[in-house]
Amino acid sequence: MTEIIERLAAAGIQLLPAQLTNHFVFERDGFVCLVERADEGFGHIGAPGLMTDKGFAALVWRGDEGWFVGKGMEQRATEEQVSRMRGFDADLRAALGQ
């Protein structure tokens, strides 16, 4: 477990305090991801998204355009945001060994 925590820290990923009994919430640069709590630590990794002032916004593709869509909001995703979110996802999976 110590090794995983060190990999997360090295990747700049933080564990957010959340009152969820079945999931952990990880964040980097405004992007968040839910990860299942498992007996041995970490389980299934969900899809990352953007945390907004209105809550979680998932990346949705409309043709070749990415959009962050959440409850009561839509925001076009820039290429940089998509790239940073994909990097966050890859780094989180690598840190958790998945």
PDB file of N, CA and C in Angstrom:
ATOM      1  N   MET A   1       0.824  -1.193   0.000  1.00  0.00           N
ATOM      2  CA  MET A   1       0.000   0.000   0.000  1.00  0.00           C
ATOM      3  C   MET A   1       0.869   1.259   0.000  1.00  0.00           C
ATOM      4  N   THR A   2       1.972   1.218   0.738  1.00  0.00           N
ATOM      5  CA  THR A   2       2.879   2.368   0.788  1.00  0.00           C
ATOM      6  C   THR A   2       3.402   2.703  -0.599  1.00  0.00           C
ATOM      7  N   GLU A   3       3.711   1.674  -1.366  1.00  0.00           N
ATOM      8  CA  GLU A   3       4.215   1.869  -2.732  1.00  0.00           C
ATOM      9  C   GLU A   3       3.172   2.579  -3.596  1.00  0.00           C
ATOM     10  N   ILE A   4       1.923   2.200  -3.467  1.00  0.00           N
ATOM     11  CA  ILE A   4       0.841   2.822  -4.243  1.00  0.00           C
ATOM     12  C   ILE A   4       0.708   4.289  -3.864  1.00  0.00           C
ATOM     13  N   ILE A   5       0.736   4.576  -2.582  1.00  0.00           N
ATOM     14  CA  ILE A   5       0.620   5.963  -2.117  1.00  0.00           C
ATOM     15  C   ILE A   5       1.771   6.805  -2.643  1.00  0.00           C
ATOM     16  N   GLU A   6       2.963   6.242  -2.660  1.00  0.00           N
ATOM     17  CA  GLU A   6       4.120   6.962  -3.190  1.00  0.00           C
ATOM     18  C   GLU A   6       3.965   7.224  -4.685  1.00  0.00           C
ATOM     19  N   ARG A   7       3.437   6.248  -5.436  1.00  0.00           N
ATOM     20  CA  ARG A   7       3.222   6.442  -6.886  1.00  0.00           C
ATOM     21  C   ARG A   7       2.159   7.506  -7.147  1.00  0.00           C
ATOM     22  N   LEU A   8       1.107   7.497  -6.346  1.00  0.00           N
ATOM     23  CA  LEU A   8       0.068   8.522  -6.491  1.00  0.00           C
ATOM     24  C   LEU A   8       0.653   9.909  -6.231  1.00  0.00           C
ATOM     25  N   ALA A   9       1.408  10.041  -5.158  1.00  0.00           N
ATOM     26  CA  ALA A   9       2.016  11.332  -4.817  1.00  0.00           C
ATOM     27  C   ALA A   9       2.976  11.801  -5.903  1.00  0.00           C
ATOM     28  N   ALA A  10       3.777  10.884  -6.432  1.00  0.00           N
ATOM     29  CA  ALA A  10       4.727  11.228  -7.487  1.00  0.00           C
ATOM     30  C   ALA A  10       4.018  11.709  -8.747  1.00  0.00           C
ATOM     31  N   ALA A  11       2.807  11.200  -8.982  1.00  0.00           N
ATOM     32  CA  ALA A  11       2.027  11.596 -10.166  1.00  0.00           C
ATOM     33  C   ALA A  11       1.178  12.836  -9.893  1.00  0.00           C
ATOM     34  N   GLY A  12       1.246  13.371  -8.681  1.00  0.00           N
ATOM     35  CA  GLY A  12       0.477  14.563  -8.346  1.00  0.00           C
ATOM     36  C   GLY A  12      -1.010  14.300  -8.162  1.00  0.00           C
ATOM     37  N   ILE A  13      -1.351  13.054  -7.866  1.00  0.00           N
ATOM     38  CA  ILE A  13      -2.752  12.664  -7.683  1.00  0.00           C
ATOM     39  C   ILE A  13      -3.058  12.627  -6.197  1.00  0.00           C
ATOM     40  N   GLN A  14      -4.157  13.267  -5.829  1.00  0.00           N
ATOM     41  CA  GLN A  14      -4.527  13.291  -4.415  1.00  0.00           C
ATOM     42  C   GLN A  14      -5.836  12.559  -4.166  1.00  0.00           C
ATOM     43  N   LEU A  15      -5.945  12.025  -2.981  1.00  0.00           N
ATOM     44  CA  LEU A  15      -7.168  11.374  -2.520  1.00  0.00           C
ATOM     45  C   LEU A  15      -8.003  12.450  -1.843  1.00  0.00           C
ATOM     46  N   LEU A  16      -9.220  12.654  -2.357  1.00  0.00           N
ATOM     47  CA  LEU A  16     -10.084  13.673  -1.784  1.00  0.00           C
ATOM     48  C   LEU A  16     -10.905  13.097  -0.636  1.00  0.00           C
ATOM     49  N   PRO A  17     -11.135  13.899   0.387  1.00  0.00           N
ATOM     50  CA  PRO A  17     -12.013  13.431   1.453  1.00  0.00           C
ATOM     51  C   PRO A  17     -13.442  13.386   0.918  1.00  0.00           C
ATOM     52  N   ALA A  18     -14.081  12.257   1.065  1.00  0.00           N
ATOM     53  CA  ALA A  18     -15.456  12.102   0.594  1.00  0.00           C
ATOM     54  C   ALA A  18     -16.161  11.121   1.511  1.00  0.00           C
ATOM     55  N   GLN A  19     -17.404  11.354   1.726  1.00  0.00           N
ATOM     56  CA  GLN A  19     -18.162  10.470   2.604  1.00  0.00           C
ATOM     57  C   GLN A  19     -18.876   9.413   1.768  1.00  0.00           C
ATOM     58  N   LEU A  20     -18.091   8.657   1.033  1.00  0.00           N
ATOM     59  CA  LEU A  20     -18.599   7.556   0.218  1.00  0.00           C
ATOM     60  C   LEU A  20     -18.124   6.259   0.848  1.00  0.00           C
ATOM     61  N   THR A  21     -19.020   5.318   1.055  1.00  0.00           N
ATOM     62  CA  THR A  21     -18.632   4.075   1.711  1.00  0.00           C
ATOM     63  C   THR A  21     -18.043   3.057   0.749  1.00  0.00           C
ATOM     64  N   ASN A  22     -18.352   3.160  -0.543  1.00  0.00           N
ATOM     65  CA  ASN A  22     -17.916   2.144  -1.501  1.00  0.00           C
ATOM     66  C   ASN A  22     -16.853   2.612  -2.485  1.00  0.00           C
ATOM     67  N   HIS A  23     -16.488   3.895  -2.442  1.00  0.00           N
ATOM     68  CA  HIS A  23     -15.541   4.428  -3.426  1.00  0.00           C
ATOM     69  C   HIS A  23     -14.554   5.401  -2.793  1.00  0.00           C
ATOM     70  N   PHE A  24     -13.390   5.496  -3.422  1.00  0.00           N
ATOM     71  CA  PHE A  24     -12.417   6.549  -3.169  1.00  0.00           C
ATOM     72  C   PHE A  24     -12.590   7.567  -4.290  1.00  0.00           C
ATOM     73  N   VAL A  25     -12.234   8.830  -4.026  1.00  0.00           N
ATOM     74  CA  VAL A  25     -12.270   9.869  -5.052  1.00  0.00           C
ATOM     75  C   VAL A  25     -10.852  10.412  -5.203  1.00  0.00           C
ATOM     76  N   PHE A  26     -10.308  10.274  -6.419  1.00  0.00           N
ATOM     77  CA  PHE A  26      -8.971  10.782  -6.710  1.00  0.00           C
ATOM     78  C   PHE A  26      -9.091  11.992  -7.629  1.00  0.00           C
ATOM     79  N   GLU A  27      -8.136  12.948  -7.494  1.00  0.00           N
ATOM     80  CA  GLU A  27      -8.195  14.193  -8.248  1.00  0.00           C
ATOM     81  C   GLU A  27      -6.805  14.646  -8.671  1.00  0.00           C
ATOM     82  N   ARG A  28      -6.768  15.265  -9.843  1.00  0.00           N
ATOM     83  CA  ARG A  28      -5.570  15.990 -10.297  1.00  0.00           C
ATOM     84  C   ARG A  28      -6.014  17.027 -11.306  1.00  0.00           C
ATOM     85  N   ASP A  29      -5.601  18.252 -11.105  1.00  0.00           N
ATOM     86  CA  ASP A  29      -5.863  19.353 -12.044  1.00  0.00           C
ATOM     87  C   ASP A  29      -7.339  19.537 -12.379  1.00  0.00           C
ATOM     88  N   GLY A  30      -8.219  19.282 -11.407  1.00  0.00           N
ATOM     89  CA  GLY A  30      -9.646  19.470 -11.644  1.00  0.00           C
ATOM     90  C   GLY A  30     -10.352  18.265 -12.232  1.00  0.00           C
ATOM     91  N   PHE A  31      -9.605  17.221 -12.550  1.00  0.00           N
ATOM     92  CA  PHE A  31     -10.200  15.987 -13.058  1.00  0.00           C
ATOM     93  C   PHE A  31     -10.321  15.005 -11.895  1.00  0.00           C
ATOM     94  N   VAL A  32     -11.431  14.284 -11.859  1.00  0.00           N
ATOM     95  CA  VAL A  32     -11.685  13.353 -10.774  1.00  0.00           C
ATOM     96  C   VAL A  32     -12.059  11.982 -11.313  1.00  0.00           C
ATOM     97  N   CYS A  33     -11.912  10.991 -10.435  1.00  0.00           N
ATOM     98  CA  CYS A  33     -12.244   9.626 -10.812  1.00  0.00           C
ATOM     99  C   CYS A  33     -12.625   8.853  -9.548  1.00  0.00           C
ATOM    100  N   LEU A  34     -13.687   8.073  -9.641  1.00  0.00           N
ATOM    101  CA  LEU A  34     -14.084   7.197  -8.545  1.00  0.00           C
ATOM    102  C   LEU A  34     -13.398   5.848  -8.712  1.00  0.00           C
ATOM    103  N   VAL A  35     -12.929   5.310  -7.603  1.00  0.00           N
ATOM    104  CA  VAL A  35     -12.304   3.990  -7.584  1.00  0.00           C
ATOM    105  C   VAL A  35     -12.978   3.186  -6.481  1.00  0.00           C
ATOM    106  N   GLU A  36     -13.417   1.976  -6.816  1.00  0.00           N
ATOM    107  CA  GLU A  36     -14.084   1.125  -5.833  1.00  0.00           C
ATOM    108  C   GLU A  36     -13.158   0.793  -4.670  1.00  0.00           C
ATOM    109  N   ARG A  37     -13.740   0.732  -3.496  1.00  0.00           N
ATOM    110  CA  ARG A  37     -13.021   0.228  -2.323  1.00  0.00           C
ATOM    111  C   ARG A  37     -13.100  -1.295  -2.390  1.00  0.00           C
ATOM    112  N   ALA A  38     -11.989  -1.946  -2.190  1.00  0.00           N
ATOM    113  CA  ALA A  38     -11.947  -3.408  -2.189  1.00  0.00           C
ATOM    114  C   ALA A  38     -11.261  -3.864  -0.910  1.00  0.00           C
ATOM    115  N   ASP A  39     -11.483  -5.124  -0.551  1.00  0.00           N
ATOM    116  CA  ASP A  39     -10.874  -5.665   0.668  1.00  0.00           C
ATOM    117  C   ASP A  39      -9.367  -5.460   0.679  1.00  0.00           C
ATOM    118  N   GLU A  40      -8.754  -5.640  -0.475  1.00  0.00           N
ATOM    119  CA  GLU A  40      -7.301  -5.520  -0.559  1.00  0.00           C
ATOM    120  C   GLU A  40      -6.841  -4.118  -0.943  1.00  0.00           C
ATOM    121  N   GLY A  41      -7.768  -3.142  -0.975  1.00  0.00           N
ATOM    122  CA  GLY A  41      -7.379  -1.769  -1.283  1.00  0.00           C
ATOM    123  C   GLY A  41      -8.255  -1.134  -2.338  1.00  0.00           C
ATOM    124  N   PHE A  42      -7.855  -1.290  -3.601  1.00  0.00           N
ATOM    125  CA  PHE A  42      -8.526  -0.591  -4.687  1.00  0.00           C
ATOM    126  C   PHE A  42      -9.093  -1.582  -5.696  1.00  0.00           C
ATOM    127  N   GLY A  43     -10.325  -1.332  -6.109  1.00  0.00           N
ATOM    128  CA  GLY A  43     -10.995  -2.181  -7.089  1.00  0.00           C
ATOM    129  C   GLY A  43     -11.105  -1.485  -8.427  1.00  0.00           C
ATOM    130  N   HIS A  44     -12.265  -1.619  -9.044  1.00  0.00           N
ATOM    131  CA  HIS A  44     -12.524  -1.078 -10.380  1.00  0.00           C
ATOM    132  C   HIS A  44     -12.338   0.437 -10.415  1.00  0.00           C
ATOM    133  N   ILE A  45     -11.712   0.911 -11.483  1.00  0.00           N
ATOM    134  CA  ILE A  45     -11.506   2.341 -11.697  1.00  0.00           C
ATOM    135  C   ILE A  45     -12.572   2.826 -12.672  1.00  0.00           C
ATOM    136  N   GLY A  46     -13.322   3.843 -12.273  1.00  0.00           N
ATOM    137  CA  GLY A  46     -14.358   4.410 -13.130  1.00  0.00           C
ATOM    138  C   GLY A  46     -13.779   5.334 -14.189  1.00  0.00           C
ATOM    139  N   ALA A  47     -14.651   5.892 -14.983  1.00  0.00           N
ATOM    140  CA  ALA A  47     -14.249   6.843 -16.019  1.00  0.00           C
ATOM    141  C   ALA A  47     -13.956   8.199 -15.380  1.00  0.00           C
ATOM    142  N   PRO A  48     -12.882   8.839 -15.782  1.00  0.00           N
ATOM    143  CA  PRO A  48     -12.577  10.155 -15.227  1.00  0.00           C
ATOM    144  C   PRO A  48     -13.503  11.216 -15.826  1.00  0.00           C
ATOM    145  N   GLY A  49     -13.585  12.331 -15.156  1.00  0.00           N
ATOM    146  CA  GLY A  49     -14.366  13.454 -15.650  1.00  0.00           C
ATOM    147  C   GLY A  49     -13.862  14.741 -15.041  1.00  0.00           C
ATOM    148  N   LEU A  50     -14.533  15.811 -15.367  1.00  0.00           N
ATOM    149  CA  LEU A  50     -14.170  17.141 -14.897  1.00  0.00           C
ATOM    150  C   LEU A  50     -15.044  17.504 -13.703  1.00  0.00           C
ATOM    151  N   MET A  51     -14.440  18.005 -12.644  1.00  0.00           N
ATOM    152  CA  MET A  51     -15.208  18.487 -11.503  1.00  0.00           C
ATOM    153  C   MET A  51     -15.508  19.961 -11.753  1.00  0.00           C
ATOM    154  N   THR A  52     -16.788  20.296 -11.734  1.00  0.00           N
ATOM    155  CA  THR A  52     -17.202  21.679 -11.964  1.00  0.00           C
ATOM    156  C   THR A  52     -17.916  22.195 -10.723  1.00  0.00           C
ATOM    157  N   ASP A  53     -18.295  23.460 -10.733  1.00  0.00           N
ATOM    158  CA  ASP A  53     -19.035  24.014  -9.600  1.00  0.00           C
ATOM    159  C   ASP A  53     -20.431  23.404  -9.499  1.00  0.00           C
ATOM    160  N   LYS A  54     -20.878  22.697 -10.553  1.00  0.00           N
ATOM    161  CA  LYS A  54     -22.172  22.016 -10.529  1.00  0.00           C
ATOM    162  C   LYS A  54     -22.031  20.516 -10.298  1.00  0.00           C
ATOM    163  N   GLY A  55     -20.810  20.038 -10.103  1.00  0.00           N
ATOM    164  CA  GLY A  55     -20.567  18.621  -9.861  1.00  0.00           C
ATOM    165  C   GLY A  55     -19.765  17.975 -10.967  1.00  0.00           C
ATOM    166  N   PHE A  56     -19.888  16.658 -11.059  1.00  0.00           N
ATOM    167  CA  PHE A  56     -19.122  15.851 -12.010  1.00  0.00           C
ATOM    168  C   PHE A  56     -19.654  16.031 -13.424  1.00  0.00           C
ATOM    169  N   ALA A  57     -18.748  16.191 -14.386  1.00  0.00           N
ATOM    170  CA  ALA A  57     -19.110  16.271 -15.801  1.00  0.00           C
ATOM    171  C   ALA A  57     -18.310  15.215 -16.556  1.00  0.00           C
ATOM    172  N   ALA A  58     -19.029  14.327 -17.232  1.00  0.00           N
ATOM    173  CA  ALA A  58     -18.399  13.262 -18.010  1.00  0.00           C
ATOM    174  C   ALA A  58     -18.014  13.784 -19.391  1.00  0.00           C
ATOM    175  N   LEU A  59     -16.968  13.198 -19.949  1.00  0.00           N
ATOM    176  CA  LEU A  59     -16.572  13.532 -21.313  1.00  0.00           C
ATOM    177  C   LEU A  59     -17.433  12.715 -22.272  1.00  0.00           C
ATOM    178  N   VAL A  60     -18.142  13.416 -23.149  1.00  0.00           N
ATOM    179  CA  VAL A  60     -19.029  12.795 -24.127  1.00  0.00           C
ATOM    180  C   VAL A  60     -18.590  13.258 -25.510  1.00  0.00           C
ATOM    181  N   TRP A  61     -18.529  12.311 -26.438  1.00  0.00           N
ATOM    182  CA  TRP A  61     -18.119  12.652 -27.796  1.00  0.00           C
ATOM    183  C   TRP A  61     -19.337  12.851 -28.672  1.00  0.00           C
ATOM    184  N   ARG A  62     -19.356  13.951 -29.379  1.00  0.00           N
ATOM    185  CA  ARG A  62     -20.393  14.258 -30.369  1.00  0.00           C
ATOM    186  C   ARG A  62     -19.657  14.445 -31.692  1.00  0.00           C
ATOM    187  N   GLY A  63     -19.675  13.372 -32.467  1.00  0.00           N
ATOM    188  CA  GLY A  63     -18.843  13.384 -33.671  1.00  0.00           C
ATOM    189  C   GLY A  63     -17.398  13.396 -33.241  1.00  0.00           C
ATOM    190  N   ASP A  64     -16.649  14.379 -33.708  1.00  0.00           N
ATOM    191  CA  ASP A  64     -15.234  14.471 -33.334  1.00  0.00           C
ATOM    192  C   ASP A  64     -14.990  15.546 -32.274  1.00  0.00           C
ATOM    193  N   GLU A  65     -16.064  16.053 -31.662  1.00  0.00           N
ATOM    194  CA  GLU A  65     -15.932  17.062 -30.617  1.00  0.00           C
ATOM    195  C   GLU A  65     -16.223  16.459 -29.247  1.00  0.00           C
ATOM    196  N   GLY A  66     -15.360  16.761 -28.305  1.00  0.00           N
ATOM    197  CA  GLY A  66     -15.575  16.326 -26.936  1.00  0.00           C
ATOM    198  C   GLY A  66     -16.309  17.399 -26.149  1.00  0.00           C
ATOM    199  N   TRP A  67     -17.232  16.956 -25.321  1.00  0.00           N
ATOM    200  CA  TRP A  67     -17.998  17.848 -24.455  1.00  0.00           C
ATOM    201  C   TRP A  67     -18.005  17.297 -23.035  1.00  0.00           C
ATOM    202  N   PHE A  68     -17.841  18.187 -22.056  1.00  0.00           N
ATOM    203  CA  PHE A  68     -18.040  17.801 -20.670  1.00  0.00           C
ATOM    204  C   PHE A  68     -19.505  18.076 -20.363  1.00  0.00           C
ATOM    205  N   VAL A  69     -20.204  17.012 -19.968  1.00  0.00           N
ATOM    206  CA  VAL A  69     -21.640  17.105 -19.741  1.00  0.00           C
ATOM    207  C   VAL A  69     -21.952  16.645 -18.324  1.00  0.00           C
ATOM    208  N   GLY A  70     -22.688  17.471 -17.618  1.00  0.00           N
ATOM    209  CA  GLY A  70     -23.099  17.140 -16.260  1.00  0.00           C
ATOM    210  C   GLY A  70     -24.489  17.681 -16.008  1.00  0.00           C
ATOM    211  N   LYS A  71     -24.934  17.538 -14.813  1.00  0.00           N
ATOM    212  CA  LYS A  71     -26.273  17.997 -14.444  1.00  0.00           C
ATOM    213  C   LYS A  71     -26.373  19.509 -14.626  1.00  0.00           C
ATOM    214  N   GLY A  72     -27.196  19.933 -15.572  1.00  0.00           N
ATOM    215  CA  GLY A  72     -27.424  21.354 -15.814  1.00  0.00           C
ATOM    216  C   GLY A  72     -26.278  22.095 -16.456  1.00  0.00           C
ATOM    217  N   MET A  73     -25.346  21.376 -17.088  1.00  0.00           N
ATOM    218  CA  MET A  73     -24.223  22.076 -17.737  1.00  0.00           C
ATOM    219  C   MET A  73     -23.655  21.283 -18.899  1.00  0.00           C
ATOM    220  N   GLU A  74     -23.139  22.006 -19.868  1.00  0.00           N
ATOM    221  CA  GLU A  74     -22.368  21.447 -20.985  1.00  0.00           C
ATOM    222  C   GLU A  74     -21.241  22.417 -21.279  1.00  0.00           C
ATOM    223  N   GLN A  75     -20.077  21.863 -21.543  1.00  0.00           N
ATOM    224  CA  GLN A  75     -18.911  22.691 -21.838  1.00  0.00           C
ATOM    225  C   GLN A  75     -18.068  21.975 -22.875  1.00  0.00           C
ATOM    226  N   ARG A  76     -17.743  22.648 -23.952  1.00  0.00           N
ATOM    227  CA  ARG A  76     -16.903  22.029 -24.964  1.00  0.00           C
ATOM    228  C   ARG A  76     -15.523  21.758 -24.362  1.00  0.00           C
ATOM    229  N   ALA A  77     -14.990  20.584 -24.617  1.00  0.00           N
ATOM    230  CA  ALA A  77     -13.667  20.198 -24.114  1.00  0.00           C
ATOM    231  C   ALA A  77     -12.597  20.625 -25.107  1.00  0.00           C
ATOM    232  N   THR A  78     -11.567  21.246 -24.604  1.00  0.00           N
ATOM    233  CA  THR A  78     -10.439  21.594 -25.467  1.00  0.00           C
ATOM    234  C   THR A  78      -9.550  20.369 -25.661  1.00  0.00           C
ATOM    235  N   GLU A  79      -8.728  20.407 -26.690  1.00  0.00           N
ATOM    236  CA  GLU A  79      -7.783  19.300 -26.915  1.00  0.00           C
ATOM    237  C   GLU A  79      -6.862  19.145 -25.717  1.00  0.00           C
ATOM    238  N   GLU A  80      -6.449  20.256 -25.122  1.00  0.00           N
ATOM    239  CA  GLU A  80      -5.569  20.207 -23.957  1.00  0.00           C
ATOM    240  C   GLU A  80      -6.264  19.529 -22.778  1.00  0.00           C
ATOM    241  N   GLN A  81      -7.542  19.845 -22.538  1.00  0.00           N
ATOM    242  CA  GLN A  81      -8.276  19.211 -21.444  1.00  0.00           C
ATOM    243  C   GLN A  81      -8.396  17.704 -21.659  1.00  0.00           C
ATOM    244  N   VAL A  82      -8.711  17.309 -22.887  1.00  0.00           N
ATOM    245  CA  VAL A  82      -8.839  15.875 -23.180  1.00  0.00           C
ATOM    246  C   VAL A  82      -7.502  15.185 -22.954  1.00  0.00           C
ATOM    247  N   SER A  83      -6.429  15.813 -23.394  1.00  0.00           N
ATOM    248  CA  SER A  83      -5.096  15.237 -23.219  1.00  0.00           C
ATOM    249  C   SER A  83      -4.733  15.127 -21.738  1.00  0.00           C
ATOM    250  N   ARG A  84      -5.005  16.181 -20.965  1.00  0.00           N
ATOM    251  CA  ARG A  84      -4.696  16.160 -19.530  1.00  0.00           C
ATOM    252  C   ARG A  84      -5.545  15.129 -18.794  1.00  0.00           C
ATOM    253  N   MET A  85      -6.812  14.994 -19.186  1.00  0.00           N
ATOM    254  CA  MET A  85      -7.669  14.012 -18.534  1.00  0.00           C
ATOM    255  C   MET A  85      -7.211  12.598 -18.853  1.00  0.00           C
ATOM    256  N   ARG A  86      -6.830  12.361 -20.094  1.00  0.00           N
ATOM    257  CA  ARG A  86      -6.323  11.036 -20.463  1.00  0.00           C
ATOM    258  C   ARG A  86      -5.032  10.728 -19.725  1.00  0.00           C
ATOM    259  N   GLY A  87      -4.174  11.731 -19.553  1.00  0.00           N
ATOM    260  CA  GLY A  87      -2.943  11.541 -18.790  1.00  0.00           C
ATOM    261  C   GLY A  87      -3.230  11.213 -17.336  1.00  0.00           C
ATOM    262  N   PHE A  88      -4.203  11.901 -16.748  1.00  0.00           N
ATOM    263  CA  PHE A  88      -4.628  11.614 -15.377  1.00  0.00           C
ATOM    264  C   PHE A  88      -5.115  10.176 -15.267  1.00  0.00           C
ATOM    265  N   ASP A  89      -5.953   9.752 -16.202  1.00  0.00           N
ATOM    266  CA  ASP A  89      -6.478   8.388 -16.199  1.00  0.00           C
ATOM    267  C   ASP A  89      -5.341   7.365 -16.293  1.00  0.00           C
ATOM    268  N   ALA A  90      -4.409   7.578 -17.215  1.00  0.00           N
ATOM    269  CA  ALA A  90      -3.292   6.642 -17.392  1.00  0.00           C
ATOM    270  C   ALA A  90      -2.406   6.605 -16.150  1.00  0.00           C
ATOM    271  N   ASP A  91      -2.122   7.778 -15.581  1.00  0.00           N
ATOM    272  CA  ASP A  91      -1.269   7.836 -14.391  1.00  0.00           C
ATOM    273  C   ASP A  91      -1.953   7.194 -13.185  1.00  0.00           C
ATOM    274  N   LEU A  92      -3.258   7.396 -13.043  1.00  0.00           N
ATOM    275  CA  LEU A  92      -3.991   6.783 -11.930  1.00  0.00           C
ATOM    276  C   LEU A  92      -3.967   5.258 -12.063  1.00  0.00           C
ATOM    277  N   ARG A  93      -4.237   4.759 -13.256  1.00  0.00           N
ATOM    278  CA  ARG A  93      -4.223   3.315 -13.472  1.00  0.00           C
ATOM    279  C   ARG A  93      -2.833   2.722 -13.207  1.00  0.00           C
ATOM    280  N   ALA A  94      -1.792   3.425 -13.646  1.00  0.00           N
ATOM    281  CA  ALA A  94      -0.424   2.942 -13.416  1.00  0.00           C
ATOM    282  C   ALA A  94      -0.094   2.946 -11.926  1.00  0.00           C
ATOM    283  N   ALA A  95      -0.481   4.019 -11.235  1.00  0.00           N
ATOM    284  CA  ALA A  95      -0.193   4.104  -9.800  1.00  0.00           C
ATOM    285  C   ALA A  95      -0.908   3.020  -9.008  1.00  0.00           C
ATOM    286  N   LEU A  96      -2.131   2.671  -9.443  1.00  0.00           N
ATOM    287  CA  LEU A  96      -2.894   1.648  -8.730  1.00  0.00           C
ATOM    288  C   LEU A  96      -2.587   0.251  -9.238  1.00  0.00           C
ATOM    289  N   GLY A  97      -1.704   0.154 -10.225  1.00  0.00           N
ATOM    290  CA  GLY A  97      -1.297  -1.163 -10.747  1.00  0.00           C
ATOM    291  C   GLY A  97      -2.349  -1.815 -11.601  1.00  0.00           C
ATOM    292  N   GLN A  98      -3.131  -1.011 -12.309  1.00  0.00           N
ATOM    293  CA  GLN A  98      -4.210  -1.585 -13.150  1.00  0.00           C
ATOM    294  C   GLN A  98      -4.054  -1.210 -14.589  1.00  0.00           C
TER     295      GLN A  98
END
